[in-house]
PDB file of all heavy atoms in Angstrom:
ATOM      1  N   GLY A   1     -28.462 -75.561  52.910  1.00  0.00           N
ATOM      2  CA  GLY A   1     -27.084 -75.380  52.471  1.00  0.00           C
ATOM      3  C   GLY A   1     -26.431 -76.716  52.192  1.00  0.00           C
ATOM      4  O   GLY A   1     -26.823 -77.748  52.740  1.00  0.00           O
ATOM      5  N   GLY A   2     -25.452 -76.697  51.325  1.00  0.00           N
ATOM      6  CA  GLY A   2     -24.696 -77.906  51.023  1.00  0.00           C
ATOM      7  C   GLY A   2     -23.884 -78.346  52.225  1.00  0.00           C
ATOM      8  O   GLY A   2     -23.518 -77.535  53.072  1.00  0.00           O
ATOM      9  N   VAL A   3     -23.574 -79.618  52.303  1.00  0.00           N
ATOM     10  CA  VAL A   3     -22.822 -80.150  53.437  1.00  0.00           C
ATOM     11  C   VAL A   3     -21.399 -79.610  53.424  1.00  0.00           C
ATOM     12  O   VAL A   3     -20.893 -79.120  54.426  1.00  0.00           O
ATOM     13  CB  VAL A   3     -22.811 -81.702  53.394  1.00  0.00           C
ATOM     14  CG1 VAL A   3     -21.913 -82.265  54.476  1.00  0.00           C
ATOM     15  CG2 VAL A   3     -24.219 -82.233  53.539  1.00  0.00           C
ATOM     16  N   ARG A   4     -20.730 -79.672  52.269  1.00  0.00           N
ATOM     17  CA  ARG A   4     -19.346 -79.202  52.175  1.00  0.00           C
ATOM     18  C   ARG A   4     -19.242 -77.740  51.769  1.00  0.00           C
ATOM     19  O   ARG A   4     -18.323 -77.055  52.145  1.00  0.00           O
ATOM     20  CB  ARG A   4     -18.584 -80.058  51.171  1.00  0.00           C
ATOM     21  CG  ARG A   4     -18.374 -81.460  51.650  1.00  0.00           C
ATOM     22  CD  ARG A   4     -17.401 -82.170  50.763  1.00  0.00           C
ATOM     23  NE  ARG A   4     -17.173 -83.502  51.292  1.00  0.00           N
ATOM     24  CZ  ARG A   4     -16.922 -84.542  50.567  1.00  0.00           C
ATOM     25  NH1 ARG A   4     -16.845 -84.440  49.266  1.00  0.00           N
ATOM     26  NH2 ARG A   4     -16.728 -85.715  51.120  1.00  0.00           N
ATOM     27  N   ASP A   5     -20.155 -77.308  50.928  1.00  0.00           N
ATOM     28  CA  ASP A   5     -20.094 -75.950  50.382  1.00  0.00           C
ATOM     29  C   ASP A   5     -21.399 -75.235  50.723  1.00  0.00           C
ATOM     30  O   ASP A   5     -22.404 -75.443  50.064  1.00  0.00           O
ATOM     31  CB  ASP A   5     -19.879 -76.019  48.862  1.00  0.00           C
ATOM     32  CG  ASP A   5     -19.762 -74.644  48.230  1.00  0.00           C
ATOM     33  OD1 ASP A   5     -19.914 -73.630  48.944  1.00  0.00           O
ATOM     34  OD2 ASP A   5     -19.529 -74.584  47.011  1.00  0.00           O
ATOM     35  N   ARG A   6     -21.373 -74.412  51.752  1.00  0.00           N
ATOM     36  CA  ARG A   6     -22.583 -73.732  52.203  1.00  0.00           C
ATOM     37  C   ARG A   6     -23.120 -72.753  51.166  1.00  0.00           C
ATOM     38  O   ARG A   6     -24.239 -72.300  51.261  1.00  0.00           O
ATOM     39  CB  ARG A   6     -22.312 -72.989  53.521  1.00  0.00           C
ATOM     40  CG  ARG A   6     -22.052 -73.918  54.670  1.00  0.00           C
ATOM     41  CD  ARG A   6     -23.343 -74.550  55.101  1.00  0.00           C
ATOM     42  NE  ARG A   6     -23.086 -75.464  56.215  1.00  0.00           N
ATOM     43  CZ  ARG A   6     -23.902 -76.418  56.550  1.00  0.00           C
ATOM     44  NH1 ARG A   6     -25.010 -76.617  55.889  1.00  0.00           N
ATOM     45  NH2 ARG A   6     -23.623 -77.205  57.544  1.00  0.00           N
ATOM     46  N   ARG A   7     -22.299 -72.426  50.152  1.00  0.00           N
ATOM     47  CA  ARG A   7     -22.774 -71.521  49.100  1.00  0.00           C
ATOM     48  C   ARG A   7     -23.686 -72.247  48.118  1.00  0.00           C
ATOM     49  O   ARG A   7     -24.455 -71.627  47.413  1.00  0.00           O
ATOM     50  CB  ARG A   7     -21.600 -70.907  48.337  1.00  0.00           C
ATOM     51  CG  ARG A   7     -20.752 -69.998  49.224  1.00  0.00           C
ATOM     52  CD  ARG A   7     -19.504 -69.611  48.519  1.00  0.00           C
ATOM     53  NE  ARG A   7     -18.702 -70.821  48.308  1.00  0.00           N
ATOM     54  CZ  ARG A   7     -17.615 -70.897  47.563  1.00  0.00           C
ATOM     55  NH1 ARG A   7     -17.175 -69.855  46.941  1.00  0.00           N
ATOM     56  NH2 ARG A   7     -16.962 -72.026  47.440  1.00  0.00           N
ATOM     57  N   ARG A   8     -23.563 -73.545  48.059  1.00  0.00           N
ATOM     58  CA  ARG A   8     -24.384 -74.330  47.142  1.00  0.00           C
ATOM     59  C   ARG A   8     -25.704 -74.657  47.819  1.00  0.00           C
ATOM     60  O   ARG A   8     -25.750 -75.251  48.890  1.00  0.00           O
ATOM     61  CB  ARG A   8     -23.686 -75.625  46.756  1.00  0.00           C
ATOM     62  CG  ARG A   8     -24.587 -76.513  45.901  1.00  0.00           C
ATOM     63  CD  ARG A   8     -23.843 -77.601  45.264  1.00  0.00           C
ATOM     64  NE  ARG A   8     -23.207 -77.019  44.088  1.00  0.00           N
ATOM     65  CZ  ARG A   8     -22.282 -77.605  43.381  1.00  0.00           C
ATOM     66  NH1 ARG A   8     -21.855 -78.783  43.715  1.00  0.00           N
ATOM     67  NH2 ARG A   8     -21.763 -77.027  42.332  1.00  0.00           N
ATOM     68  N   THR A   9     -26.797 -74.269  47.186  1.00  0.00           N
ATOM     69  CA  THR A   9     -28.116 -74.505  47.749  1.00  0.00           C
ATOM     70  C   THR A   9     -28.647 -75.837  47.264  1.00  0.00           C
ATOM     71  O   THR A   9     -28.606 -76.144  46.072  1.00  0.00           O
ATOM     72  CB  THR A   9     -29.082 -73.383  47.321  1.00  0.00           C
ATOM     73  OG1 THR A   9     -28.551 -72.145  47.782  1.00  0.00           O
ATOM     74  CG2 THR A   9     -30.451 -73.591  47.925  1.00  0.00           C
ATOM     75  N   LEU A  10     -29.138 -76.609  48.191  1.00  0.00           N
ATOM     76  CA  LEU A  10     -29.771 -77.884  47.872  1.00  0.00           C
ATOM     77  C   LEU A  10     -31.267 -77.766  48.121  1.00  0.00           C
ATOM     78  O   LEU A  10     -31.710 -77.011  48.987  1.00  0.00           O
ATOM     79  CB  LEU A  10     -29.198 -79.004  48.742  1.00  0.00           C
ATOM     80  CG  LEU A  10     -27.701 -79.282  48.592  1.00  0.00           C
ATOM     81  CD1 LEU A  10     -27.259 -80.314  49.618  1.00  0.00           C
ATOM     82  CD2 LEU A  10     -27.377 -79.739  47.190  1.00  0.00           C
ATOM     83  N   VAL A  11     -32.020 -78.531  47.376  1.00  0.00           N
ATOM     84  CA  VAL A  11     -33.468 -78.609  47.558  1.00  0.00           C
ATOM     85  C   VAL A  11     -33.738 -79.901  48.316  1.00  0.00           C
ATOM     86  O   VAL A  11     -33.237 -80.966  47.935  1.00  0.00           O
ATOM     87  CB  VAL A  11     -34.195 -78.614  46.194  1.00  0.00           C
ATOM     88  CG1 VAL A  11     -35.699 -78.691  46.391  1.00  0.00           C
ATOM     89  CG2 VAL A  11     -33.809 -77.390  45.378  1.00  0.00           C
ATOM     90  N   ALA A  12     -34.504 -79.799  49.377  1.00  0.00           N
ATOM     91  CA  ALA A  12     -34.802 -80.969  50.208  1.00  0.00           C
ATOM     92  C   ALA A  12     -36.307 -81.153  50.347  1.00  0.00           C
ATOM     93  O   ALA A  12     -37.077 -80.190  50.300  1.00  0.00           O
ATOM     94  CB  ALA A  12     -34.167 -80.799  51.591  1.00  0.00           C
ATOM     95  N   LEU A  13     -36.695 -82.369  50.535  1.00  0.00           N
ATOM     96  CA  LEU A  13     -38.088 -82.734  50.756  1.00  0.00           C
ATOM     97  C   LEU A  13     -38.470 -82.381  52.197  1.00  0.00           C
ATOM     98  O   LEU A  13     -37.702 -82.638  53.128  1.00  0.00           O
ATOM     99  CB  LEU A  13     -38.218 -84.241  50.532  1.00  0.00           C
ATOM    100  CG  LEU A  13     -39.555 -84.865  50.256  1.00  0.00           C
ATOM    101  CD1 LEU A  13     -40.215 -84.221  49.042  1.00  0.00           C
ATOM    102  CD2 LEU A  13     -39.372 -86.349  49.994  1.00  0.00           C
ATOM    103  N   THR A  14     -39.630 -81.803  52.394  1.00  0.00           N
ATOM    104  CA  THR A  14     -40.132 -81.507  53.737  1.00  0.00           C
ATOM    105  C   THR A  14     -41.113 -82.616  54.140  1.00  0.00           C
ATOM    106  O   THR A  14     -41.439 -83.495  53.325  1.00  0.00           O
ATOM    107  CB  THR A  14     -40.878 -80.164  53.754  1.00  0.00           C
ATOM    108  OG1 THR A  14     -42.014 -80.285  52.889  1.00  0.00           O
ATOM    109  CG2 THR A  14     -39.983 -79.011  53.318  1.00  0.00           C
ATOM    110  N   GLU A  15     -41.599 -82.539  55.355  1.00  0.00           N
ATOM    111  CA  GLU A  15     -42.614 -83.521  55.786  1.00  0.00           C
ATOM    112  C   GLU A  15     -43.866 -83.404  54.917  1.00  0.00           C
ATOM    113  O   GLU A  15     -44.464 -84.413  54.539  1.00  0.00           O
ATOM    114  CB  GLU A  15     -42.950 -83.338  57.259  1.00  0.00           C
ATOM    115  CG  GLU A  15     -41.883 -83.856  58.197  1.00  0.00           C
ATOM    116  CD  GLU A  15     -41.515 -85.316  57.936  1.00  0.00           C
ATOM    117  OE1 GLU A  15     -42.419 -86.164  57.758  1.00  0.00           O
ATOM    118  OE2 GLU A  15     -40.302 -85.614  57.883  1.00  0.00           O
ATOM    119  N   ALA A  16     -44.275 -82.178  54.598  1.00  0.00           N
ATOM    120  CA  ALA A  16     -45.437 -81.992  53.725  1.00  0.00           C
ATOM    121  C   ALA A  16     -45.152 -82.553  52.332  1.00  0.00           C
ATOM    122  O   ALA A  16     -46.032 -83.130  51.691  1.00  0.00           O
ATOM    123  CB  ALA A  16     -45.809 -80.512  53.628  1.00  0.00           C
ATOM    124  N   GLY A  17     -43.930 -82.396  51.876  1.00  0.00           N
ATOM    125  CA  GLY A  17     -43.543 -82.963  50.587  1.00  0.00           C
ATOM    126  C   GLY A  17     -43.582 -84.477  50.604  1.00  0.00           C
ATOM    127  O   GLY A  17     -44.038 -85.121  49.655  1.00  0.00           O
ATOM    128  N   ARG A  18     -43.113 -85.056  51.718  1.00  0.00           N
ATOM    129  CA  ARG A  18     -43.172 -86.525  51.859  1.00  0.00           C
ATOM    130  C   ARG A  18     -44.626 -87.012  51.862  1.00  0.00           C
ATOM    131  O   ARG A  18     -44.951 -88.030  51.261  1.00  0.00           O
ATOM    132  CB  ARG A  18     -42.500 -86.957  53.162  1.00  0.00           C
ATOM    133  CG  ARG A  18     -41.059 -87.311  53.014  1.00  0.00           C
ATOM    134  CD  ARG A  18     -40.491 -87.895  54.312  1.00  0.00           C
ATOM    135  NE  ARG A  18     -39.606 -86.987  55.010  1.00  0.00           N
ATOM    136  CZ  ARG A  18     -38.462 -86.538  54.537  1.00  0.00           C
ATOM    137  NH1 ARG A  18     -38.066 -86.889  53.350  1.00  0.00           N
ATOM    138  NH2 ARG A  18     -37.706 -85.716  55.238  1.00  0.00           N
ATOM    139  N   ALA A  19     -45.480 -86.256  52.524  1.00  0.00           N
ATOM    140  CA  ALA A  19     -46.897 -86.634  52.584  1.00  0.00           C
ATOM    141  C   ALA A  19     -47.535 -86.546  51.195  1.00  0.00           C
ATOM    142  O   ALA A  19     -48.267 -87.453  50.787  1.00  0.00           O
ATOM    143  CB  ALA A  19     -47.649 -85.745  53.570  1.00  0.00           C
ATOM    144  N   ALA A  20     -47.241 -85.474  50.459  1.00  0.00           N
ATOM    145  CA  ALA A  20     -47.788 -85.325  49.104  1.00  0.00           C
ATOM    146  C   ALA A  20     -47.258 -86.426  48.197  1.00  0.00           C
ATOM    147  O   ALA A  20     -48.001 -86.993  47.388  1.00  0.00           O
ATOM    148  CB  ALA A  20     -47.429 -83.948  48.543  1.00  0.00           C
ATOM    149  N   PHE A  21     -45.973 -86.742  48.345  1.00  0.00           N
ATOM    150  CA  PHE A  21     -45.384 -87.836  47.575  1.00  0.00           C
ATOM    151  C   PHE A  21     -46.088 -89.149  47.922  1.00  0.00           C
ATOM    152  O   PHE A  21     -46.400 -89.943  47.034  1.00  0.00           O
ATOM    153  CB  PHE A  21     -43.883 -87.933  47.861  1.00  0.00           C
ATOM    154  CG  PHE A  21     -43.233 -89.116  47.208  1.00  0.00           C
ATOM    155  CD1 PHE A  21     -42.933 -89.104  45.858  1.00  0.00           C
ATOM    156  CD2 PHE A  21     -42.947 -90.254  47.942  1.00  0.00           C
ATOM    157  CE1 PHE A  21     -42.344 -90.201  45.252  1.00  0.00           C
ATOM    158  CE2 PHE A  21     -42.358 -91.356  47.351  1.00  0.00           C
ATOM    159  CZ  PHE A  21     -42.061 -91.332  46.000  1.00  0.00           C
ATOM    160  N   GLY A  22     -46.346 -89.359  49.201  1.00  0.00           N
ATOM    161  CA  GLY A  22     -47.006 -90.582  49.641  1.00  0.00           C
ATOM    162  C   GLY A  22     -48.401 -90.761  49.058  1.00  0.00           C
ATOM    163  O   GLY A  22     -48.838 -91.882  48.799  1.00  0.00           O
ATOM    164  N   VAL A  23     -49.101 -89.654  48.842  1.00  0.00           N
ATOM    165  CA  VAL A  23     -50.440 -89.722  48.233  1.00  0.00           C
ATOM    166  C   VAL A  23     -50.342 -90.122  46.761  1.00  0.00           C
ATOM    167  O   VAL A  23     -51.101 -90.947  46.270  1.00  0.00           O
ATOM    168  CB  VAL A  23     -51.169 -88.363  48.377  1.00  0.00           C
ATOM    169  CG1 VAL A  23     -52.436 -88.323  47.534  1.00  0.00           C
ATOM    170  CG2 VAL A  23     -51.485 -88.093  49.843  1.00  0.00           C
ATOM    171  N   ALA A  24     -49.396 -89.529  46.046  1.00  0.00           N
ATOM    172  CA  ALA A  24     -49.287 -89.753  44.603  1.00  0.00           C
ATOM    173  C   ALA A  24     -48.525 -91.026  44.243  1.00  0.00           C
ATOM    174  O   ALA A  24     -48.764 -91.614  43.183  1.00  0.00           O
ATOM    175  CB  ALA A  24     -48.606 -88.550  43.947  1.00  0.00           C
ATOM    176  N   ALA A  25     -47.610 -91.452  45.095  1.00  0.00           N
ATOM    177  CA  ALA A  25     -46.727 -92.573  44.762  1.00  0.00           C
ATOM    178  C   ALA A  25     -47.463 -93.863  44.375  1.00  0.00           C
ATOM    179  O   ALA A  25     -47.087 -94.498  43.387  1.00  0.00           O
ATOM    180  CB  ALA A  25     -45.743 -92.830  45.903  1.00  0.00           C
ATOM    181  N   PRO A  26     -48.503 -94.288  45.110  1.00  0.00           N
ATOM    182  CA  PRO A  26     -49.146 -95.555  44.740  1.00  0.00           C
ATOM    183  C   PRO A  26     -49.751 -95.546  43.330  1.00  0.00           C
ATOM    184  O   PRO A  26     -49.611 -96.522  42.581  1.00  0.00           O
ATOM    185  CB  PRO A  26     -50.228 -95.738  45.807  1.00  0.00           C
ATOM    186  CG  PRO A  26     -49.753 -94.952  46.978  1.00  0.00           C
ATOM    187  CD  PRO A  26     -49.030 -93.769  46.377  1.00  0.00           C
ATOM    188  N   VAL A  27     -50.398 -94.468  42.951  1.00  0.00           N
ATOM    189  CA  VAL A  27     -51.018 -94.419  41.626  1.00  0.00           C
ATOM    190  C   VAL A  27     -49.956 -94.352  40.530  1.00  0.00           C
ATOM    191  O   VAL A  27     -50.100 -94.971  39.468  1.00  0.00           O
ATOM    192  CB  VAL A  27     -52.044 -93.270  41.522  1.00  0.00           C
ATOM    193  CG1 VAL A  27     -51.382 -91.908  41.473  1.00  0.00           C
ATOM    194  CG2 VAL A  27     -52.928 -93.447  40.303  1.00  0.00           C
ATOM    195  N   MET A  28     -48.858 -93.652  40.798  1.00  0.00           N
ATOM    196  CA  MET A  28     -47.800 -93.565  39.795  1.00  0.00           C
ATOM    197  C   MET A  28     -47.017 -94.882  39.717  1.00  0.00           C
ATOM    198  O   MET A  28     -46.550 -95.269  38.653  1.00  0.00           O
ATOM    199  CB  MET A  28     -46.880 -92.378  40.094  1.00  0.00           C
ATOM    200  CG  MET A  28     -47.607 -91.030  39.995  1.00  0.00           C
ATOM    201  SD  MET A  28     -48.456 -90.757  38.411  1.00  0.00           S
ATOM    202  CE  MET A  28     -47.072 -90.156  37.444  1.00  0.00           C
ATOM    203  N   ARG A  29     -46.910 -95.585  40.839  1.00  0.00           N
ATOM    204  CA  ARG A  29     -46.281 -96.908  40.827  1.00  0.00           C
ATOM    205  C   ARG A  29     -47.146 -97.875  40.028  1.00  0.00           C
ATOM    206  O   ARG A  29     -46.631 -98.676  39.241  1.00  0.00           O
ATOM    207  CB  ARG A  29     -46.087 -97.435  42.256  1.00  0.00           C
ATOM    208  CG  ARG A  29     -45.333 -98.755  42.312  1.00  0.00           C
ATOM    209  CD  ARG A  29     -45.079 -99.256  43.738  1.00  0.00           C
ATOM    210  NE  ARG A  29     -44.498 -98.239  44.599  1.00  0.00           N
ATOM    211  CZ  ARG A  29     -45.150 -97.602  45.582  1.00  0.00           C
ATOM    212  NH1 ARG A  29     -46.409 -97.884  45.850  1.00  0.00           N
ATOM    213  NH2 ARG A  29     -44.546 -96.690  46.316  1.00  0.00           N
ATOM    214  N   ALA A  30     -48.457 -97.786  40.197  1.00  0.00           N
ATOM    215  CA  ALA A  30     -49.374 -98.644  39.433  1.00  0.00           C
ATOM    216  C   ALA A  30     -49.235 -98.368  37.936  1.00  0.00           C
ATOM    217  O   ALA A  30     -49.309 -99.284  37.117  1.00  0.00           O
ATOM    218  CB  ALA A  30     -50.814 -98.435  39.893  1.00  0.00           C
ATOM    219  N   ARG A  31     -49.014 -97.116  37.581  1.00  0.00           N
ATOM    220  CA  ARG A  31     -48.803 -96.753  36.177  1.00  0.00           C
ATOM    221  C   ARG A  31     -47.553 -97.448  35.627  1.00  0.00           C
ATOM    222  O   ARG A  31     -47.572 -98.020  34.539  1.00  0.00           O
ATOM    223  CB  ARG A  31     -48.671 -95.231  36.090  1.00  0.00           C
ATOM    224  CG  ARG A  31     -48.408 -94.703  34.704  1.00  0.00           C
ATOM    225  CD  ARG A  31     -48.203 -93.200  34.759  1.00  0.00           C
ATOM    226  NE  ARG A  31     -48.245 -92.617  33.447  1.00  0.00           N
ATOM    227  CZ  ARG A  31     -47.392 -91.714  32.999  1.00  0.00           C
ATOM    228  NH1 ARG A  31     -46.428 -91.268  33.769  1.00  0.00           N
ATOM    229  NH2 ARG A  31     -47.498 -91.222  31.799  1.00  0.00           N
ATOM    230  N   ARG A  32     -46.458 -97.390  36.393  1.00  0.00           N
ATOM    231  CA  ARG A  32     -45.221 -98.057  35.952  1.00  0.00           C
ATOM    232  C   ARG A  32     -45.396 -99.573  35.920  1.00  0.00           C
ATOM    233  O   ARG A  32     -44.900-100.237  35.008  1.00  0.00           O
ATOM    234  CB  ARG A  32     -44.055 -97.662  36.867  1.00  0.00           C
ATOM    235  CG  ARG A  32     -43.654 -96.205  36.729  1.00  0.00           C
ATOM    236  CD  ARG A  32     -42.382 -95.871  37.491  1.00  0.00           C
ATOM    237  NE  ARG A  32     -42.387 -96.224  38.897  1.00  0.00           N
ATOM    238  CZ  ARG A  32     -42.929 -95.501  39.868  1.00  0.00           C
ATOM    239  NH1 ARG A  32     -43.538 -94.358  39.589  1.00  0.00           N
ATOM    240  NH2 ARG A  32     -42.861 -95.895  41.121  1.00  0.00           N
ATOM    241  N   ASP A  33     -46.114-100.115  36.894  1.00  0.00           N
ATOM    242  CA  ASP A  33     -46.363-101.558  36.916  1.00  0.00           C
ATOM    243  C   ASP A  33     -47.176-102.005  35.697  1.00  0.00           C
ATOM    244  O   ASP A  33     -46.926-103.072  35.137  1.00  0.00           O
ATOM    245  CB  ASP A  33     -47.086-101.971  38.202  1.00  0.00           C
ATOM    246  CG  ASP A  33     -46.192-101.872  39.439  1.00  0.00           C
ATOM    247  OD1 ASP A  33     -44.953-101.747  39.283  1.00  0.00           O
ATOM    248  OD2 ASP A  33     -46.745-101.900  40.558  1.00  0.00           O
ATOM    249  N   ALA A  34     -48.152-101.198  35.298  1.00  0.00           N
ATOM    250  CA  ALA A  34     -48.962-101.527  34.112  1.00  0.00           C
ATOM    251  C   ALA A  34     -48.094-101.550  32.861  1.00  0.00           C
ATOM    252  O   ALA A  34     -48.269-102.413  31.991  1.00  0.00           O
ATOM    253  CB  ALA A  34     -50.110-100.521  33.959  1.00  0.00           C
ATOM    254  N   LEU A  35     -47.157-100.633  32.770  1.00  0.00           N
ATOM    255  CA  LEU A  35     -46.251-100.620  31.619  1.00  0.00           C
ATOM    256  C   LEU A  35     -45.362-101.859  31.637  1.00  0.00           C
ATOM    257  O   LEU A  35     -45.155-102.501  30.602  1.00  0.00           O
ATOM    258  CB  LEU A  35     -45.396 -99.348  31.628  1.00  0.00           C
ATOM    259  CG  LEU A  35     -44.528 -99.134  30.400  1.00  0.00           C
ATOM    260  CD1 LEU A  35     -45.383 -98.892  29.167  1.00  0.00           C
ATOM    261  CD2 LEU A  35     -43.575 -97.977  30.622  1.00  0.00           C
ATOM    262  N   ARG A  36     -44.864-102.217  32.829  1.00  0.00           N
ATOM    263  CA  ARG A  36     -44.037-103.428  32.948  1.00  0.00           C
ATOM    264  C   ARG A  36     -44.825-104.676  32.561  1.00  0.00           C
ATOM    265  O   ARG A  36     -44.275-105.605  31.981  1.00  0.00           O
ATOM    266  CB  ARG A  36     -43.508-103.576  34.371  1.00  0.00           C
ATOM    267  CG  ARG A  36     -42.311-102.729  34.659  1.00  0.00           C
ATOM    268  CD  ARG A  36     -41.684-103.091  36.013  1.00  0.00           C
ATOM    269  NE  ARG A  36     -40.997-101.950  36.555  1.00  0.00           N
ATOM    270  CZ  ARG A  36     -41.529-101.046  37.377  1.00  0.00           C
ATOM    271  NH1 ARG A  36     -42.762-101.173  37.800  1.00  0.00           N
ATOM    272  NH2 ARG A  36     -40.825-100.028  37.807  1.00  0.00           N
ATOM    273  N   ALA A  37     -46.117-104.688  32.880  1.00  0.00           N
ATOM    274  CA  ALA A  37     -46.944-105.847  32.546  1.00  0.00           C
ATOM    275  C   ALA A  37     -47.242-105.926  31.047  1.00  0.00           C
ATOM    276  O   ALA A  37     -47.444-107.014  30.508  1.00  0.00           O
ATOM    277  CB  ALA A  37     -48.255-105.806  33.329  1.00  0.00           C
ATOM    278  N   ALA A  38     -47.263-104.786  30.387  1.00  0.00           N
ATOM    279  CA  ALA A  38     -47.604-104.746  28.963  1.00  0.00           C
ATOM    280  C   ALA A  38     -46.426-105.117  28.066  1.00  0.00           C
ATOM    281  O   ALA A  38     -46.633-105.516  26.917  1.00  0.00           O
ATOM    282  CB  ALA A  38     -48.123-103.364  28.589  1.00  0.00           C
TER     283      ALA A  38
END
């Protein structure tokens, strides 16, 4: 629920979501770094 408006639904990251993000983040960061280098 939203902090001020409980009718507004928010999407939040879970621990499993953080873990999945952590797996993908390094390779996607390397992709952005390669573009910055080019």
